[in-house]
Amino acid sequence: LEGGRRMHEQQETRFKIEYMEVPALAISSTDIRARVGDGRPIRYLTPEPVVAYVHKHALYQGAS
């Protein structure tokens, strides 16, 4: 993050960039499987292609 921030701060831009600190989320594969098994969403917890693959192939149904 810091390298990217420095790079942006050194460039002229017409956009205002604001930085926010957000806590890291601890997401385990066990949690993902349990959520899918319970019918709860995993969107935003994994990349969209992973979400689509899990649903397309009906993975982890009844896993909890």
C-alpha atoms as a PDB file:
ATOM      1  CA  LEU A   1       0.000   0.000   0.000  1.00  0.00           C
ATOM      2  CA  GLU A   2       2.665   2.489   0.949  1.00  0.00           C
ATOM      3  CA  GLY A   3       4.510   2.142  -2.378  1.00  0.00           C
ATOM      4  CA  GLY A   4       1.295   2.685  -4.296  1.00  0.00           C
ATOM      5  CA  ARG A   5       0.416   5.661  -2.160  1.00  0.00           C
ATOM      6  CA  ARG A   6       3.818   7.261  -2.732  1.00  0.00           C
ATOM      7  CA  MET A   7       3.505   6.704  -6.487  1.00  0.00           C
ATOM      8  CA  HIS A   8       0.099   8.439  -6.585  1.00  0.00           C
ATOM      9  CA  GLU A   9       1.232  11.302  -4.385  1.00  0.00           C
ATOM     10  CA  GLN A  10       4.146  12.041  -6.739  1.00  0.00           C
ATOM     11  CA  GLN A  11       1.930  12.246  -9.836  1.00  0.00           C
ATOM     12  CA  GLU A  12      -0.054  15.267 -10.883  1.00  0.00           C
ATOM     13  CA  THR A  13      -3.725  14.422 -11.174  1.00  0.00           C
ATOM     14  CA  ARG A  14      -7.002  16.270 -11.371  1.00  0.00           C
ATOM     15  CA  PHE A  15      -8.575  13.723  -9.054  1.00  0.00           C
ATOM     16  CA  LYS A  16      -8.615  13.897  -5.304  1.00  0.00           C
ATOM     17  CA  ILE A  17      -7.501  10.614  -3.801  1.00  0.00           C
ATOM     18  CA  GLU A  18      -8.465   9.799  -0.247  1.00  0.00           C
ATOM     19  CA  TYR A  19      -6.967   6.859   1.607  1.00  0.00           C
ATOM     20  CA  MET A  20      -8.824   4.858   4.214  1.00  0.00           C
ATOM     21  CA  GLU A  21      -7.581   2.195   6.525  1.00  0.00           C
ATOM     22  CA  VAL A  22      -9.873  -0.785   6.735  1.00  0.00           C
ATOM     23  CA  PRO A  23      -9.378  -3.878   8.863  1.00  0.00           C
ATOM     24  CA  ALA A  24      -8.284  -7.035   7.123  1.00  0.00           C
ATOM     25  CA  LEU A  25     -10.861  -9.790   7.063  1.00  0.00           C
ATOM     26  CA  ALA A  26      -9.820 -13.249   8.173  1.00  0.00           C
ATOM     27  CA  ILE A  27     -11.623 -15.534   5.743  1.00  0.00           C
ATOM     28  CA  SER A  28     -10.952 -19.249   5.782  1.00  0.00           C
ATOM     29  CA  SER A  29     -11.957 -21.893   3.287  1.00  0.00           C
ATOM     30  CA  THR A  30     -13.829 -23.616   6.121  1.00  0.00           C
ATOM     31  CA  ASP A  31     -15.900 -20.452   6.630  1.00  0.00           C
ATOM     32  CA  ILE A  32     -16.608 -20.219   2.893  1.00  0.00           C
ATOM     33  CA  ARG A  33     -17.757 -23.858   2.716  1.00  0.00           C
ATOM     34  CA  ALA A  34     -19.957 -23.401   5.797  1.00  0.00           C
ATOM     35  CA  ARG A  35     -21.575 -20.267   4.363  1.00  0.00           C
ATOM     36  CA  VAL A  36     -22.354 -22.008   1.074  1.00  0.00           C
ATOM     37  CA  GLY A  37     -23.651 -25.061   2.914  1.00  0.00           C
ATOM     38  CA  ASP A  38     -25.961 -22.854   4.986  1.00  0.00           C
ATOM     39  CA  GLY A  39     -27.189 -21.023   1.883  1.00  0.00           C
ATOM     40  CA  ARG A  40     -25.534 -17.751   2.910  1.00  0.00           C
ATOM     41  CA  PRO A  41     -23.770 -15.548   0.337  1.00  0.00           C
ATOM     42  CA  ILE A  42     -20.027 -15.536  -0.272  1.00  0.00           C
ATOM     43  CA  ARG A  43     -20.090 -12.549  -2.587  1.00  0.00           C
ATOM     44  CA  TYR A  44     -17.413  -9.989  -1.673  1.00  0.00           C
ATOM     45  CA  LEU A  45     -15.578 -12.667   0.307  1.00  0.00           C
ATOM     46  CA  THR A  46     -14.107 -14.314  -2.794  1.00  0.00           C
ATOM     47  CA  PRO A  47     -13.539 -13.147  -6.375  1.00  0.00           C
ATOM     48  CA  GLU A  48     -16.667 -13.213  -8.542  1.00  0.00           C
ATOM     49  CA  PRO A  49     -15.372 -16.039 -10.809  1.00  0.00           C
ATOM     50  CA  VAL A  50     -14.980 -18.222  -7.694  1.00  0.00           C
ATOM     51  CA  VAL A  51     -18.529 -17.431  -6.573  1.00  0.00           C
ATOM     52  CA  ALA A  52     -19.828 -18.320 -10.046  1.00  0.00           C
ATOM     53  CA  TYR A  53     -17.841 -21.583 -10.161  1.00  0.00           C
ATOM     54  CA  VAL A  54     -19.028 -22.688  -6.710  1.00  0.00           C
ATOM     55  CA  HIS A  55     -22.654 -22.058  -7.657  1.00  0.00           C
ATOM     56  CA  LYS A  56     -22.374 -23.483 -11.182  1.00  0.00           C
ATOM     57  CA  HIS A  57     -20.956 -26.756  -9.875  1.00  0.00           C
ATOM     58  CA  ALA A  58     -23.120 -26.817  -6.726  1.00  0.00           C
ATOM     59  CA  LEU A  59     -20.060 -27.151  -4.515  1.00  0.00           C
ATOM     60  CA  TYR A  60     -20.339 -27.432  -0.732  1.00  0.00           C
ATOM     61  CA  GLN A  61     -24.098 -27.990  -0.709  1.00  0.00           C
ATOM     62  CA  GLY A  62     -24.935 -29.279   2.757  1.00  0.00           C
ATOM     63  CA  ALA A  63     -21.295 -28.930   3.840  1.00  0.00           C
ATOM     64  CA  SER A  64     -22.027 -27.592   7.322  1.00  0.00           C
END
